[in-house]
């Protein structure tokens, strides 16, 4: 959590990241993933039977202390597991987020009264 906090912009710094303000270099945060997006975790060969699926659907929950490991909430087993081999469905999560934002803007325009000038 501190990792994300240190790489978040702050209004005191003019919406810059602390390290970016200190070194005048832009940080790469392209490796961040969208929380709550769908995750497809690979089930190892030893944990599956012959006719069972090779991936399990879950929800992305965060990162672990070990690099390249993620934790996910598995919907079928209702457990939180640590996975290494995952595919994230970020496009769908991003589309849902954009649709929700557009809907909120429309609702906001409806609810805010227009002030007429005399």
C-alpha atoms as a PDB file:
ATOM      1  CA  UNK A   1       0.000   0.000   0.000  1.00  0.00           C
ATOM      2  CA  UNK A   2       2.897   2.358   0.708  1.00  0.00           C
ATOM      3  CA  UNK A   3       4.185   1.625  -2.789  1.00  0.00           C
ATOM      4  CA  UNK A   4       1.015   3.124  -4.301  1.00  0.00           C
ATOM      5  CA  UNK A   5       0.902   5.967  -1.816  1.00  0.00           C
ATOM      6  CA  UNK A   6       4.418   7.034  -2.778  1.00  0.00           C
ATOM      7  CA  UNK A   7       3.467   6.996  -6.455  1.00  0.00           C
ATOM      8  CA  UNK A   8       0.241   8.974  -6.110  1.00  0.00           C
ATOM      9  CA  UNK A   9       0.009  12.661  -7.026  1.00  0.00           C
ATOM     10  CA  UNK A  10      -0.503  15.235  -4.294  1.00  0.00           C
ATOM     11  CA  UNK A  11      -2.103  18.649  -4.521  1.00  0.00           C
ATOM     12  CA  UNK A  12       0.644  20.343  -2.464  1.00  0.00           C
ATOM     13  CA  UNK A  13       3.177  19.333  -5.110  1.00  0.00           C
ATOM     14  CA  UNK A  14       0.989  20.632  -7.930  1.00  0.00           C
ATOM     15  CA  UNK A  15      -0.483  17.168  -8.660  1.00  0.00           C
ATOM     16  CA  UNK A  16       2.991  15.683  -9.086  1.00  0.00           C
ATOM     17  CA  UNK A  17       4.374  12.524  -7.591  1.00  0.00           C
ATOM     18  CA  UNK A  18       6.890  13.074  -4.786  1.00  0.00           C
ATOM     19  CA  UNK A  19       9.765  11.405  -6.621  1.00  0.00           C
ATOM     20  CA  UNK A  20       8.825  13.224  -9.826  1.00  0.00           C
ATOM     21  CA  UNK A  21       8.925  16.601  -8.037  1.00  0.00           C
ATOM     22  CA  UNK A  22      12.248  15.724  -6.410  1.00  0.00           C
ATOM     23  CA  UNK A  23      14.098  14.403  -9.487  1.00  0.00           C
ATOM     24  CA  UNK A  24      12.211  16.188 -12.335  1.00  0.00           C
ATOM     25  CA  UNK A  25      11.826  12.824 -14.112  1.00  0.00           C
ATOM     26  CA  UNK A  26       8.513  11.270 -15.041  1.00  0.00           C
ATOM     27  CA  UNK A  27       7.853   7.934 -13.277  1.00  0.00           C
ATOM     28  CA  UNK A  28       6.563   4.904 -15.148  1.00  0.00           C
ATOM     29  CA  UNK A  29       3.382   3.563 -13.544  1.00  0.00           C
ATOM     30  CA  UNK A  30       2.339   1.462 -16.530  1.00  0.00           C
ATOM     31  CA  UNK A  31       2.626  -1.732 -14.501  1.00  0.00           C
ATOM     32  CA  UNK A  32      -0.300  -0.769 -12.230  1.00  0.00           C
ATOM     33  CA  UNK A  33      -3.449  -2.808 -12.750  1.00  0.00           C
ATOM     34  CA  UNK A  34      -7.116  -1.938 -12.222  1.00  0.00           C
ATOM     35  CA  UNK A  35      -8.445  -3.167  -8.884  1.00  0.00           C
ATOM     36  CA  UNK A  36     -11.679  -5.120  -9.143  1.00  0.00           C
ATOM     37  CA  UNK A  37     -11.100  -6.264 -12.708  1.00  0.00           C
ATOM     38  CA  UNK A  38     -11.686  -9.869 -13.664  1.00  0.00           C
ATOM     39  CA  UNK A  39      -8.750 -12.256 -13.318  1.00  0.00           C
ATOM     40  CA  UNK A  40      -8.228 -15.597 -14.972  1.00  0.00           C
ATOM     41  CA  UNK A  41      -5.791 -17.615 -12.826  1.00  0.00           C
ATOM     42  CA  UNK A  42      -4.052 -20.644 -14.269  1.00  0.00           C
ATOM     43  CA  UNK A  43      -4.737 -23.845 -12.336  1.00  0.00           C
ATOM     44  CA  UNK A  44      -1.615 -25.985 -12.131  1.00  0.00           C
ATOM     45  CA  UNK A  45      -1.502 -29.399 -13.709  1.00  0.00           C
ATOM     46  CA  UNK A  46      -1.209 -31.030 -10.287  1.00  0.00           C
ATOM     47  CA  UNK A  47      -4.286 -29.308  -8.858  1.00  0.00           C
ATOM     48  CA  UNK A  48      -6.687 -30.194 -11.671  1.00  0.00           C
ATOM     49  CA  UNK A  49      -8.325 -33.364 -12.847  1.00  0.00           C
ATOM     50  CA  UNK A  50      -8.583 -34.423 -16.462  1.00  0.00           C
ATOM     51  CA  UNK A  51     -11.936 -32.826 -17.253  1.00  0.00           C
ATOM     52  CA  UNK A  52     -11.687 -29.719 -15.075  1.00  0.00           C
ATOM     53  CA  UNK A  53     -10.955 -26.274 -16.540  1.00  0.00           C
ATOM     54  CA  UNK A  54      -7.395 -24.987 -16.659  1.00  0.00           C
ATOM     55  CA  UNK A  55      -8.309 -21.429 -15.557  1.00  0.00           C
ATOM     56  CA  UNK A  56     -10.412 -20.109 -12.708  1.00  0.00           C
ATOM     57  CA  UNK A  57     -12.305 -16.809 -12.711  1.00  0.00           C
ATOM     58  CA  UNK A  58     -11.665 -14.334  -9.908  1.00  0.00           C
ATOM     59  CA  UNK A  59     -11.514 -10.654  -8.975  1.00  0.00           C
ATOM     60  CA  UNK A  60      -8.190  -8.810  -8.839  1.00  0.00           C
ATOM     61  CA  UNK A  61      -7.533  -7.648  -5.299  1.00  0.00           C
ATOM     62  CA  UNK A  62      -3.968  -6.446  -5.172  1.00  0.00           C
ATOM     63  CA  UNK A  63      -0.297  -7.192  -5.103  1.00  0.00           C
ATOM     64  CA  UNK A  64       1.811  -9.237  -2.705  1.00  0.00           C
ATOM     65  CA  UNK A  65       5.230  -8.443  -1.289  1.00  0.00           C
ATOM     66  CA  UNK A  66       6.792 -10.883  -3.729  1.00  0.00           C
ATOM     67  CA  UNK A  67       7.189  -9.438  -7.236  1.00  0.00           C
ATOM     68  CA  UNK A  68       4.971 -10.775 -10.048  1.00  0.00           C
ATOM     69  CA  UNK A  69       2.472 -12.275  -7.595  1.00  0.00           C
ATOM     70  CA  UNK A  70      -1.103 -11.071  -7.289  1.00  0.00           C
ATOM     71  CA  UNK A  71      -3.875 -11.913  -4.885  1.00  0.00           C
ATOM     72  CA  UNK A  72      -7.330 -12.593  -6.190  1.00  0.00           C
ATOM     73  CA  UNK A  73     -10.711 -13.525  -4.782  1.00  0.00           C
ATOM     74  CA  UNK A  74     -11.871 -16.711  -6.473  1.00  0.00           C
ATOM     75  CA  UNK A  75     -15.610 -16.660  -7.110  1.00  0.00           C
ATOM     76  CA  UNK A  76     -16.215 -20.414  -7.291  1.00  0.00           C
ATOM     77  CA  UNK A  77     -14.290 -21.406  -4.160  1.00  0.00           C
ATOM     78  CA  UNK A  78     -14.905 -18.125  -2.245  1.00  0.00           C
ATOM     79  CA  UNK A  79     -11.260 -17.937  -1.228  1.00  0.00           C
ATOM     80  CA  UNK A  80      -8.454 -15.421  -1.553  1.00  0.00           C
ATOM     81  CA  UNK A  81      -5.474 -16.969  -3.332  1.00  0.00           C
ATOM     82  CA  UNK A  82      -2.072 -15.796  -4.477  1.00  0.00           C
ATOM     83  CA  UNK A  83      -1.530 -16.347  -8.210  1.00  0.00           C
ATOM     84  CA  UNK A  84       1.445 -15.792 -10.447  1.00  0.00           C
ATOM     85  CA  UNK A  85       0.112 -16.769 -13.869  1.00  0.00           C
ATOM     86  CA  UNK A  86      -2.870 -14.475 -14.444  1.00  0.00           C
ATOM     87  CA  UNK A  87      -4.644 -12.745 -17.296  1.00  0.00           C
ATOM     88  CA  UNK A  88      -6.452  -9.569 -16.354  1.00  0.00           C
ATOM     89  CA  UNK A  89      -9.641  -8.431 -18.087  1.00  0.00           C
ATOM     90  CA  UNK A  90      -8.860  -4.733 -17.757  1.00  0.00           C
ATOM     91  CA  UNK A  91     -10.589  -3.622 -20.958  1.00  0.00           C
ATOM     92  CA  UNK A  92     -13.990  -4.632 -19.619  1.00  0.00           C
ATOM     93  CA  UNK A  93     -13.314  -2.986 -16.246  1.00  0.00           C
ATOM     94  CA  UNK A  94     -12.223   0.223 -17.968  1.00  0.00           C
ATOM     95  CA  UNK A  95     -15.327   0.246 -20.185  1.00  0.00           C
ATOM     96  CA  UNK A  96     -17.607  -0.251 -17.173  1.00  0.00           C
ATOM     97  CA  UNK A  97     -15.822   2.605 -15.372  1.00  0.00           C
ATOM     98  CA  UNK A  98     -16.193   4.939 -18.373  1.00  0.00           C
ATOM     99  CA  UNK A  99     -19.872   4.055 -18.787  1.00  0.00           C
ATOM    100  CA  UNK A 100     -20.478   4.739 -15.094  1.00  0.00           C
ATOM    101  CA  UNK A 101     -18.708   8.106 -15.321  1.00  0.00           C
ATOM    102  CA  UNK A 102     -20.767   9.149 -18.346  1.00  0.00           C
ATOM    103  CA  UNK A 103     -23.959   8.143 -16.556  1.00  0.00           C
ATOM    104  CA  UNK A 104     -22.969  10.184 -13.493  1.00  0.00           C
ATOM    105  CA  UNK A 105     -22.321  13.234 -15.665  1.00  0.00           C
ATOM    106  CA  UNK A 106     -25.774  12.931 -17.240  1.00  0.00           C
ATOM    107  CA  UNK A 107     -27.442  12.532 -13.831  1.00  0.00           C
ATOM    108  CA  UNK A 108     -25.471  15.489 -12.471  1.00  0.00           C
ATOM    109  CA  UNK A 109     -26.684  17.719 -15.322  1.00  0.00           C
ATOM    110  CA  UNK A 110     -30.266  16.715 -14.594  1.00  0.00           C
ATOM    111  CA  UNK A 111     -30.026  17.306 -10.836  1.00  0.00           C
ATOM    112  CA  UNK A 112     -28.157  20.613 -10.861  1.00  0.00           C
ATOM    113  CA  UNK A 113     -30.612  23.491 -11.313  1.00  0.00           C
ATOM    114  CA  UNK A 114     -29.802  26.024 -13.987  1.00  0.00           C
ATOM    115  CA  UNK A 115     -29.393  29.572 -12.751  1.00  0.00           C
ATOM    116  CA  UNK A 116     -31.070  32.081 -15.004  1.00  0.00           C
ATOM    117  CA  UNK A 117     -29.577  35.540 -15.139  1.00  0.00           C
ATOM    118  CA  UNK A 118     -32.045  38.478 -14.992  1.00  0.00           C
END
